[in-house]
PDB file of N, CA and C in Angstrom:
ATOM      1  N   UNK A   1     117.340  12.733  60.571  1.00  0.00           N
ATOM      2  CA  UNK A   1     118.568  12.173  60.031  1.00  0.00           C
ATOM      3  C   UNK A   1     119.306  11.531  61.247  1.00  0.00           C
ATOM      4  N   UNK A   2     119.795  10.292  61.025  1.00  0.00           N
ATOM      5  CA  UNK A   2     120.491   9.570  62.027  1.00  0.00           C
ATOM      6  C   UNK A   2     121.893  10.206  62.135  1.00  0.00           C
ATOM      7  N   UNK A   3     122.544   9.975  63.296  1.00  0.00           N
ATOM      8  CA  UNK A   3     123.944  10.414  63.468  1.00  0.00           C
ATOM      9  C   UNK A   3     124.849   9.773  62.449  1.00  0.00           C
ATOM     10  N   UNK A   4     124.619   8.467  62.109  1.00  0.00           N
ATOM     11  CA  UNK A   4     125.410   7.782  61.143  1.00  0.00           C
ATOM     12  C   UNK A   4     125.300   8.450  59.747  1.00  0.00           C
ATOM     13  N   UNK A   5     124.141   8.840  59.403  1.00  0.00           N
ATOM     14  CA  UNK A   5     123.951   9.587  58.117  1.00  0.00           C
ATOM     15  C   UNK A   5     124.624  10.931  58.189  1.00  0.00           C
ATOM     16  N   UNK A   6     124.480  11.602  59.315  1.00  0.00           N
ATOM     17  CA  UNK A   6     125.096  12.911  59.493  1.00  0.00           C
ATOM     18  C   UNK A   6     126.600  12.830  59.383  1.00  0.00           C
ATOM     19  N   UNK A   7     127.283  11.880  59.957  1.00  0.00           N
ATOM     20  CA  UNK A   7     128.683  11.786  59.844  1.00  0.00           C
ATOM     21  C   UNK A   7     129.160  11.418  58.451  1.00  0.00           C
ATOM     22  N   UNK A   8     128.325  10.661  57.715  1.00  0.00           N
ATOM     23  CA  UNK A   8     128.611  10.324  56.313  1.00  0.00           C
ATOM     24  C   UNK A   8     128.557  11.660  55.512  1.00  0.00           C
ATOM     25  N   UNK A   9     127.568  12.480  55.763  1.00  0.00           N
ATOM     26  CA  UNK A   9     127.433  13.726  55.045  1.00  0.00           C
ATOM     27  C   UNK A   9     128.575  14.710  55.364  1.00  0.00           C
ATOM     28  N   UNK A  10     128.986  14.728  56.600  1.00  0.00           N
ATOM     29  CA  UNK A  10     130.123  15.565  57.009  1.00  0.00           C
ATOM     30  C   UNK A  10     131.369  15.153  56.280  1.00  0.00           C
ATOM     31  N   UNK A  11     131.666  13.859  56.224  1.00  0.00           N
ATOM     32  CA  UNK A  11     132.840  13.358  55.508  1.00  0.00           C
ATOM     33  C   UNK A  11     132.717  13.637  54.017  1.00  0.00           C
ATOM     34  N   UNK A  12     131.506  13.552  53.442  1.00  0.00           N
ATOM     35  CA  UNK A  12     131.301  13.903  52.062  1.00  0.00           C
ATOM     36  C   UNK A  12     131.655  15.355  51.784  1.00  0.00           C
ATOM     37  N   UNK A  13     131.271  16.217  52.705  1.00  0.00           N
ATOM     38  CA  UNK A  13     131.587  17.624  52.594  1.00  0.00           C
ATOM     39  C   UNK A  13     133.082  17.881  52.646  1.00  0.00           C
ATOM     40  N   UNK A  14     133.756  17.165  53.568  1.00  0.00           N
ATOM     41  CA  UNK A  14     135.249  17.257  53.667  1.00  0.00           C
ATOM     42  C   UNK A  14     135.840  16.827  52.325  1.00  0.00           C
ATOM     43  N   UNK A  15     135.415  15.731  51.782  1.00  0.00           N
ATOM     44  CA  UNK A  15     135.961  15.254  50.538  1.00  0.00           C
ATOM     45  C   UNK A  15     135.754  16.257  49.406  1.00  0.00           C
ATOM     46  N   UNK A  16     134.597  16.843  49.359  1.00  0.00           N
ATOM     47  CA  UNK A  16     134.183  17.812  48.308  1.00  0.00           C
ATOM     48  C   UNK A  16     135.039  19.066  48.428  1.00  0.00           C
ATOM     49  N   UNK A  17     135.299  19.539  49.661  1.00  0.00           N
ATOM     50  CA  UNK A  17     135.936  20.833  49.807  1.00  0.00           C
ATOM     51  C   UNK A  17     137.495  20.745  50.088  1.00  0.00           C
ATOM     52  N   UNK A  18     137.962  19.659  50.594  1.00  0.00           N
ATOM     53  CA  UNK A  18     139.364  19.523  50.946  1.00  0.00           C
ATOM     54  C   UNK A  18     140.060  18.363  50.286  1.00  0.00           C
ATOM     55  N   UNK A  19     139.316  17.368  49.825  1.00  0.00           N
ATOM     56  CA  UNK A  19     139.981  16.194  49.259  1.00  0.00           C
ATOM     57  C   UNK A  19     140.169  15.166  50.376  1.00  0.00           C
ATOM     58  N   UNK A  20     141.000  14.083  50.066  1.00  0.00           N
ATOM     59  CA  UNK A  20     141.123  13.009  50.977  1.00  0.00           C
ATOM     60  C   UNK A  20     142.276  13.156  51.983  1.00  0.00           C
ATOM     61  N   UNK A  21     143.049  14.258  51.899  1.00  0.00           N
ATOM     62  CA  UNK A  21     144.110  14.541  52.893  1.00  0.00           C
ATOM     63  C   UNK A  21     143.918  16.007  53.356  1.00  0.00           C
ATOM     64  N   UNK A  22     143.723  16.201  54.611  1.00  0.00           N
ATOM     65  CA  UNK A  22     143.545  17.561  55.168  1.00  0.00           C
ATOM     66  C   UNK A  22     144.069  17.615  56.605  1.00  0.00           C
ATOM     67  N   UNK A  23     144.977  18.464  56.859  1.00  0.00           N
ATOM     68  CA  UNK A  23     145.391  18.893  58.211  1.00  0.00           C
ATOM     69  C   UNK A  23     145.537  17.723  59.187  1.00  0.00           C
ATOM     70  N   UNK A  24     146.328  16.695  58.822  1.00  0.00           N
ATOM     71  CA  UNK A  24     146.528  15.608  59.748  1.00  0.00           C
ATOM     72  C   UNK A  24     145.432  14.546  59.707  1.00  0.00           C
ATOM     73  N   UNK A  25     144.598  14.542  58.707  1.00  0.00           N
ATOM     74  CA  UNK A  25     143.561  13.573  58.557  1.00  0.00           C
ATOM     75  C   UNK A  25     143.614  12.965  57.163  1.00  0.00           C
ATOM     76  N   UNK A  26     143.378  11.672  57.090  1.00  0.00           N
ATOM     77  CA  UNK A  26     143.442  10.970  55.797  1.00  0.00           C
ATOM     78  C   UNK A  26     142.092  10.177  55.678  1.00  0.00           C
ATOM     79  N   UNK A  27     141.422  10.279  54.516  1.00  0.00           N
ATOM     80  CA  UNK A  27     140.181   9.595  54.298  1.00  0.00           C
ATOM     81  C   UNK A  27     140.427   8.582  53.128  1.00  0.00           C
ATOM     82  N   UNK A  28     140.146   7.332  53.367  1.00  0.00           N
ATOM     83  CA  UNK A  28     140.320   6.269  52.355  1.00  0.00           C
ATOM     84  C   UNK A  28     138.912   5.723  51.997  1.00  0.00           C
ATOM     85  N   UNK A  29     138.577   5.814  50.752  1.00  0.00           N
ATOM     86  CA  UNK A  29     137.311   5.296  50.266  1.00  0.00           C
ATOM     87  C   UNK A  29     137.477   3.988  49.451  1.00  0.00           C
ATOM     88  N   UNK A  30     136.561   3.067  49.627  1.00  0.00           N
ATOM     89  CA  UNK A  30     136.590   1.780  48.861  1.00  0.00           C
ATOM     90  C   UNK A  30     135.194   1.218  48.783  1.00  0.00           C
ATOM     91  N   UNK A  31     135.012   0.361  47.802  1.00  0.00           N
ATOM     92  CA  UNK A  31     133.794  -0.395  47.660  1.00  0.00           C
ATOM     93  C   UNK A  31     134.122  -1.846  47.953  1.00  0.00           C
ATOM     94  N   UNK A  32     133.347  -2.434  48.847  1.00  0.00           N
ATOM     95  CA  UNK A  32     133.618  -3.857  49.198  1.00  0.00           C
ATOM     96  C   UNK A  32     133.043  -4.818  48.152  1.00  0.00           C
ATOM     97  N   UNK A  33     133.203  -6.090  48.368  1.00  0.00           N
ATOM     98  CA  UNK A  33     132.820  -7.111  47.390  1.00  0.00           C
ATOM     99  C   UNK A  33     131.283  -7.184  47.182  1.00  0.00           C
ATOM    100  N   UNK A  34     130.513  -6.534  48.135  1.00  0.00           N
ATOM    101  CA  UNK A  34     129.068  -6.569  48.032  1.00  0.00           C
ATOM    102  C   UNK A  34     128.547  -5.250  47.392  1.00  0.00           C
ATOM    103  N   UNK A  35     129.469  -4.410  46.980  1.00  0.00           N
ATOM    104  CA  UNK A  35     129.071  -3.138  46.327  1.00  0.00           C
ATOM    105  C   UNK A  35     128.727  -2.013  47.312  1.00  0.00           C
ATOM    106  N   UNK A  36     129.037  -2.191  48.589  1.00  0.00           N
ATOM    107  CA  UNK A  36     128.799  -1.157  49.589  1.00  0.00           C
ATOM    108  C   UNK A  36     129.924  -0.165  49.641  1.00  0.00           C
ATOM    109  N   UNK A  37     129.572   1.096  49.821  1.00  0.00           N
ATOM    110  CA  UNK A  37     130.619   2.186  49.921  1.00  0.00           C
ATOM    111  C   UNK A  37     131.131   2.246  51.356  1.00  0.00           C
ATOM    112  N   UNK A  38     132.417   2.352  51.462  1.00  0.00           N
ATOM    113  CA  UNK A  38     133.068   2.392  52.809  1.00  0.00           C
ATOM    114  C   UNK A  38     134.064   3.514  52.856  1.00  0.00           C
ATOM    115  N   UNK A  39     134.247   4.018  54.035  1.00  0.00           N
ATOM    116  CA  UNK A  39     135.277   5.089  54.289  1.00  0.00           C
ATOM    117  C   UNK A  39     135.961   4.753  55.590  1.00  0.00           C
ATOM    118  N   UNK A  40     137.316   4.904  55.541  1.00  0.00           N
ATOM    119  CA  UNK A  40     138.121   4.748  56.764  1.00  0.00           C
ATOM    120  C   UNK A  40     138.807   6.083  56.977  1.00  0.00           C
ATOM    121  N   UNK A  41     138.646   6.701  58.134  1.00  0.00           N
ATOM    122  CA  UNK A  41     139.264   7.973  58.415  1.00  0.00           C
ATOM    123  C   UNK A  41     140.282   7.805  59.548  1.00  0.00           C
ATOM    124  N   UNK A  42     141.541   8.223  59.214  1.00  0.00           N
ATOM    125  CA  UNK A  42     142.587   8.249  60.190  1.00  0.00           C
ATOM    126  C   UNK A  42     142.829   9.728  60.601  1.00  0.00           C
ATOM    127  N   UNK A  43     142.813   9.946  61.885  1.00  0.00           N
ATOM    128  CA  UNK A  43     143.013  11.343  62.364  1.00  0.00           C
ATOM    129  C   UNK A  43     144.235  11.398  63.231  1.00  0.00           C
ATOM    130  N   UNK A  44     145.003  12.513  63.139  1.00  0.00           N
ATOM    131  CA  UNK A  44     146.310  12.609  63.834  1.00  0.00           C
ATOM    132  C   UNK A  44     146.171  12.718  65.340  1.00  0.00           C
ATOM    133  N   UNK A  45     144.905  12.802  65.880  1.00  0.00           N
ATOM    134  CA  UNK A  45     144.718  12.790  67.301  1.00  0.00           C
ATOM    135  C   UNK A  45     144.583  11.354  67.834  1.00  0.00           C
ATOM    136  N   UNK A  46     144.834  10.371  66.973  1.00  0.00           N
ATOM    137  CA  UNK A  46     144.890   8.991  67.405  1.00  0.00           C
ATOM    138  C   UNK A  46     143.554   8.250  67.191  1.00  0.00           C
ATOM    139  N   UNK A  47     142.717   8.724  66.307  1.00  0.00           N
ATOM    140  CA  UNK A  47     141.397   8.096  66.047  1.00  0.00           C
ATOM    141  C   UNK A  47     141.368   7.429  64.695  1.00  0.00           C
ATOM    142  N   UNK A  48     140.586   6.398  64.614  1.00  0.00           N
ATOM    143  CA  UNK A  48     140.273   5.716  63.369  1.00  0.00           C
ATOM    144  C   UNK A  48     138.806   5.415  63.309  1.00  0.00           C
ATOM    145  N   UNK A  49     138.096   6.016  62.353  1.00  0.00           N
ATOM    146  CA  UNK A  49     136.660   5.827  62.225  1.00  0.00           C
ATOM    147  C   UNK A  49     136.369   5.066  60.946  1.00  0.00           C
ATOM    148  N   UNK A  50     135.382   4.173  60.977  1.00  0.00           N
ATOM    149  CA  UNK A  50     134.971   3.505  59.767  1.00  0.00           C
ATOM    150  C   UNK A  50     133.464   3.794  59.553  1.00  0.00           C
ATOM    151  N   UNK A  51     133.149   4.140  58.312  1.00  0.00           N
ATOM    152  CA  UNK A  51     131.773   4.418  57.954  1.00  0.00           C
ATOM    153  C   UNK A  51     131.414   3.551  56.755  1.00  0.00           C
ATOM    154  N   UNK A  52     130.134   3.166  56.675  1.00  0.00           N
ATOM    155  CA  UNK A  52     129.664   2.422  55.534  1.00  0.00           C
ATOM    156  C   UNK A  52     128.289   2.903  55.066  1.00  0.00           C
ATOM    157  N   UNK A  53     128.034   2.722  53.819  1.00  0.00           N
ATOM    158  CA  UNK A  53     126.714   3.090  53.236  1.00  0.00           C
ATOM    159  C   UNK A  53     126.302   1.874  52.405  1.00  0.00           C
ATOM    160  N   UNK A  54     125.283   1.141  52.898  1.00  0.00           N
ATOM    161  CA  UNK A  54     124.851  -0.033  52.257  1.00  0.00           C
ATOM    162  C   UNK A  54     123.424   0.078  51.776  1.00  0.00           C
ATOM    163  N   UNK A  55     123.164  -0.464  50.589  1.00  0.00           N
ATOM    164  CA  UNK A  55     121.800  -0.479  50.088  1.00  0.00           C
ATOM    165  C   UNK A  55     120.930  -1.283  51.039  1.00  0.00           C
ATOM    166  N   UNK A  56     119.784  -0.721  51.392  1.00  0.00           N
ATOM    167  CA  UNK A  56     118.916  -1.309  52.402  1.00  0.00           C
ATOM    168  C   UNK A  56     118.038  -2.440  51.815  1.00  0.00           C
ATOM    169  N   UNK A  57     117.767  -3.412  52.660  1.00  0.00           N
ATOM    170  CA  UNK A  57     116.783  -4.419  52.271  1.00  0.00           C
ATOM    171  C   UNK A  57     115.484  -3.963  52.876  1.00  0.00           C
ATOM    172  N   UNK A  58     114.395  -4.607  52.502  1.00  0.00           N
ATOM    173  CA  UNK A  58     113.108  -4.222  52.992  1.00  0.00           C
ATOM    174  C   UNK A  58     112.930  -4.455  54.527  1.00  0.00           C
ATOM    175  N   UNK A  59     113.804  -5.229  55.103  1.00  0.00           N
ATOM    176  CA  UNK A  59     113.635  -5.540  56.512  1.00  0.00           C
ATOM    177  C   UNK A  59     114.578  -4.727  57.431  1.00  0.00           C
ATOM    178  N   UNK A  60     115.374  -3.824  56.868  1.00  0.00           N
ATOM    179  CA  UNK A  60     116.270  -3.042  57.629  1.00  0.00           C
ATOM    180  C   UNK A  60     115.507  -2.105  58.569  1.00  0.00           C
ATOM    181  N   UNK A  61     116.040  -1.871  59.790  1.00  0.00           N
ATOM    182  CA  UNK A  61     115.319  -1.078  60.757  1.00  0.00           C
ATOM    183  C   UNK A  61     115.416   0.433  60.537  1.00  0.00           C
ATOM    184  N   UNK A  62     116.582   0.868  60.059  1.00  0.00           N
ATOM    185  CA  UNK A  62     116.810   2.314  59.893  1.00  0.00           C
ATOM    186  C   UNK A  62     117.272   2.658  58.494  1.00  0.00           C
ATOM    187  N   UNK A  63     116.254   2.858  57.610  1.00  0.00           N
ATOM    188  CA  UNK A  63     116.545   3.132  56.215  1.00  0.00           C
ATOM    189  C   UNK A  63     116.424   4.661  55.955  1.00  0.00           C
ATOM    190  N   UNK A  64     117.424   5.246  55.329  1.00  0.00           N
ATOM    191  CA  UNK A  64     117.371   6.632  54.929  1.00  0.00           C
ATOM    192  C   UNK A  64     117.554   6.702  53.445  1.00  0.00           C
ATOM    193  N   UNK A  65     116.545   7.063  52.705  1.00  0.00           N
ATOM    194  CA  UNK A  65     116.605   7.182  51.254  1.00  0.00           C
ATOM    195  C   UNK A  65     117.179   5.955  50.591  1.00  0.00           C
ATOM    196  N   UNK A  66     116.783   4.773  51.089  1.00  0.00           N
ATOM    197  CA  UNK A  66     117.186   3.527  50.505  1.00  0.00           C
ATOM    198  C   UNK A  66     118.521   2.946  50.969  1.00  0.00           C
ATOM    199  N   UNK A  67     119.110   3.591  51.970  1.00  0.00           N
ATOM    200  CA  UNK A  67     120.461   3.142  52.462  1.00  0.00           C
ATOM    201  C   UNK A  67     120.453   2.997  53.965  1.00  0.00           C
ATOM    202  N   UNK A  68     121.365   2.199  54.458  1.00  0.00           N
ATOM    203  CA  UNK A  68     121.637   2.060  55.843  1.00  0.00           C
ATOM    204  C   UNK A  68     123.121   2.551  56.055  1.00  0.00           C
ATOM    205  N   UNK A  69     123.299   3.450  57.016  1.00  0.00           N
ATOM    206  CA  UNK A  69     124.633   4.018  57.303  1.00  0.00           C
ATOM    207  C   UNK A  69     125.096   3.476  58.595  1.00  0.00           C
ATOM    208  N   UNK A  70     126.381   3.169  58.675  1.00  0.00           N
ATOM    209  CA  UNK A  70     126.975   2.649  59.964  1.00  0.00           C
ATOM    210  C   UNK A  70     128.238   3.399  60.295  1.00  0.00           C
ATOM    211  N   UNK A  71     128.578   3.370  61.551  1.00  0.00           N
ATOM    212  CA  UNK A  71     129.777   3.989  62.133  1.00  0.00           C
ATOM    213  C   UNK A  71     130.384   2.955  63.109  1.00  0.00           C
ATOM    214  N   UNK A  72     131.724   2.847  63.004  1.00  0.00           N
ATOM    215  CA  UNK A  72     132.401   1.947  63.986  1.00  0.00           C
ATOM    216  C   UNK A  72     133.861   2.438  64.215  1.00  0.00           C
ATOM    217  N   UNK A  73     134.376   1.926  65.297  1.00  0.00           N
ATOM    218  CA  UNK A  73     135.797   2.163  65.673  1.00  0.00           C
ATOM    219  C   UNK A  73     136.439   0.840  66.019  1.00  0.00           C
ATOM    220  N   UNK A  74     136.678  -0.048  65.079  1.00  0.00           N
ATOM    221  CA  UNK A  74     137.038  -1.415  65.365  1.00  0.00           C
ATOM    222  C   UNK A  74     138.494  -1.705  65.581  1.00  0.00           C
ATOM    223  N   UNK A  75     139.353  -0.705  65.565  1.00  0.00           N
ATOM    224  CA  UNK A  75     140.780  -0.959  65.567  1.00  0.00           C
ATOM    225  C   UNK A  75     141.407  -0.836  66.930  1.00  0.00           C
ATOM    226  N   UNK A  76     142.133  -1.871  67.356  1.00  0.00           N
ATOM    227  CA  UNK A  76     142.919  -1.774  68.600  1.00  0.00           C
ATOM    228  C   UNK A  76     144.070  -0.849  68.405  1.00  0.00           C
ATOM    229  N   UNK A  77     144.458  -0.119  69.470  1.00  0.00           N
ATOM    230  CA  UNK A  77     145.598   0.787  69.408  1.00  0.00           C
ATOM    231  C   UNK A  77     145.178   2.207  69.078  1.00  0.00           C
ATOM    232  N   UNK A  78     143.949   2.463  68.691  1.00  0.00           N
ATOM    233  CA  UNK A  78     143.445   3.777  68.437  1.00  0.00           C
ATOM    234  C   UNK A  78     142.549   4.221  69.597  1.00  0.00           C
ATOM    235  N   UNK A  79     142.505   5.514  69.819  1.00  0.00           N
ATOM    236  CA  UNK A  79     141.579   6.117  70.807  1.00  0.00           C
ATOM    237  C   UNK A  79     140.143   5.854  70.343  1.00  0.00           C
ATOM    238  N   UNK A  80     139.260   5.736  71.339  1.00  0.00           N
ATOM    239  CA  UNK A  80     137.857   5.643  70.995  1.00  0.00           C
ATOM    240  C   UNK A  80     137.173   6.953  71.336  1.00  0.00           C
ATOM    241  N   UNK A  81     136.326   7.441  70.406  1.00  0.00           N
ATOM    242  CA  UNK A  81     135.680   8.747  70.586  1.00  0.00           C
ATOM    243  C   UNK A  81     134.178   8.583  70.742  1.00  0.00           C
ATOM    244  N   UNK A  82     133.620   7.572  70.086  1.00  0.00           N
ATOM    245  CA  UNK A  82     132.141   7.465  70.012  1.00  0.00           C
ATOM    246  C   UNK A  82     131.679   8.412  68.852  1.00  0.00           C
ATOM    247  N   UNK A  83     130.477   8.194  68.431  1.00  0.00           N
ATOM    248  CA  UNK A  83     129.975   8.886  67.241  1.00  0.00           C
ATOM    249  C   UNK A  83     129.808  10.393  67.507  1.00  0.00           C
ATOM    250  N   UNK A  84     129.369  10.783  68.651  1.00  0.00           N
ATOM    251  CA  UNK A  84     129.149  12.186  68.882  1.00  0.00           C
ATOM    252  C   UNK A  84     130.433  12.971  68.902  1.00  0.00           C
ATOM    253  N   UNK A  85     131.500  12.471  69.505  1.00  0.00           N
ATOM    254  CA  UNK A  85     132.806  13.088  69.480  1.00  0.00           C
ATOM    255  C   UNK A  85     133.386  13.062  68.079  1.00  0.00           C
ATOM    256  N   UNK A  86     133.236  11.994  67.351  1.00  0.00           N
ATOM    257  CA  UNK A  86     133.694  11.892  65.954  1.00  0.00           C
ATOM    258  C   UNK A  86     133.001  12.987  65.113  1.00  0.00           C
ATOM    259  N   UNK A  87     131.704  13.181  65.267  1.00  0.00           N
ATOM    260  CA  UNK A  87     131.053  14.230  64.537  1.00  0.00           C
ATOM    261  C   UNK A  87     131.635  15.577  64.859  1.00  0.00           C
ATOM    262  N   UNK A  88     131.926  15.834  66.116  1.00  0.00           N
ATOM    263  CA  UNK A  88     132.488  17.120  66.568  1.00  0.00           C
ATOM    264  C   UNK A  88     133.873  17.267  65.940  1.00  0.00           C
ATOM    265  N   UNK A  89     134.712  16.263  65.993  1.00  0.00           N
ATOM    266  CA  UNK A  89     136.075  16.315  65.463  1.00  0.00           C
ATOM    267  C   UNK A  89     136.026  16.568  63.968  1.00  0.00           C
ATOM    268  N   UNK A  90     135.291  15.825  63.267  1.00  0.00           N
ATOM    269  CA  UNK A  90     135.251  15.902  61.775  1.00  0.00           C
ATOM    270  C   UNK A  90     134.539  17.157  61.296  1.00  0.00           C
ATOM    271  N   UNK A  91     133.575  17.665  61.991  1.00  0.00           N
ATOM    272  CA  UNK A  91     132.852  18.811  61.585  1.00  0.00           C
ATOM    273  C   UNK A  91     133.660  20.076  61.680  1.00  0.00           C
ATOM    274  N   UNK A  92     134.778  20.024  62.370  1.00  0.00           N
ATOM    275  CA  UNK A  92     135.699  21.204  62.416  1.00  0.00           C
ATOM    276  C   UNK A  92     136.229  21.465  61.000  1.00  0.00           C
ATOM    277  N   UNK A  93     136.280  20.489  60.177  1.00  0.00           N
ATOM    278  CA  UNK A  93     136.772  20.630  58.796  1.00  0.00           C
ATOM    279  C   UNK A  93     135.690  20.899  57.810  1.00  0.00           C
ATOM    280  N   UNK A  94     134.474  20.623  58.155  1.00  0.00           N
ATOM    281  CA  UNK A  94     133.362  20.767  57.235  1.00  0.00           C
ATOM    282  C   UNK A  94     132.415  21.963  57.515  1.00  0.00           C
ATOM    283  N   UNK A  95     132.201  22.211  58.782  1.00  0.00           N
ATOM    284  CA  UNK A  95     131.232  23.194  59.142  1.00  0.00           C
ATOM    285  C   UNK A  95     129.804  22.906  58.708  1.00  0.00           C
ATOM    286  N   UNK A  96     129.509  21.622  58.737  1.00  0.00           N
ATOM    287  CA  UNK A  96     128.183  21.120  58.320  1.00  0.00           C
ATOM    288  C   UNK A  96     127.199  21.515  59.428  1.00  0.00           C
ATOM    289  N   UNK A  97     126.012  21.978  59.040  1.00  0.00           N
ATOM    290  CA  UNK A  97     125.064  22.333  60.076  1.00  0.00           C
ATOM    291  C   UNK A  97     124.590  21.158  60.908  1.00  0.00           C
ATOM    292  N   UNK A  98     124.846  21.232  62.164  1.00  0.00           N
ATOM    293  CA  UNK A  98     124.486  20.139  63.097  1.00  0.00           C
ATOM    294  C   UNK A  98     123.432  20.659  64.045  1.00  0.00           C
ATOM    295  N   UNK A  99     122.293  20.029  64.125  1.00  0.00           N
ATOM    296  CA  UNK A  99     121.183  20.494  64.919  1.00  0.00           C
ATOM    297  C   UNK A  99     121.142  19.811  66.281  1.00  0.00           C
TER     298      UNK A  99
END
């Protein structure tokens, strides 16, 4: 499992167990014009993470069960954590098994 898929699963667990608002964190879900699922996570420690789940084409390099997962931190003014730190921060709310 890629780290991008792992963080998607962690956020899914948070949404399932806590909803979209939990302890200083807000998760916003939306579908873009191309039908891709997206999530934007704002965290009270000054982070903003963006995740996406897109249906894979036959030429995609990293396909997991028909999807490509992405992680980014594109917003100026927010702290940057990188995906490993983001997994650590978000998993505090989910307790998802991380290997």
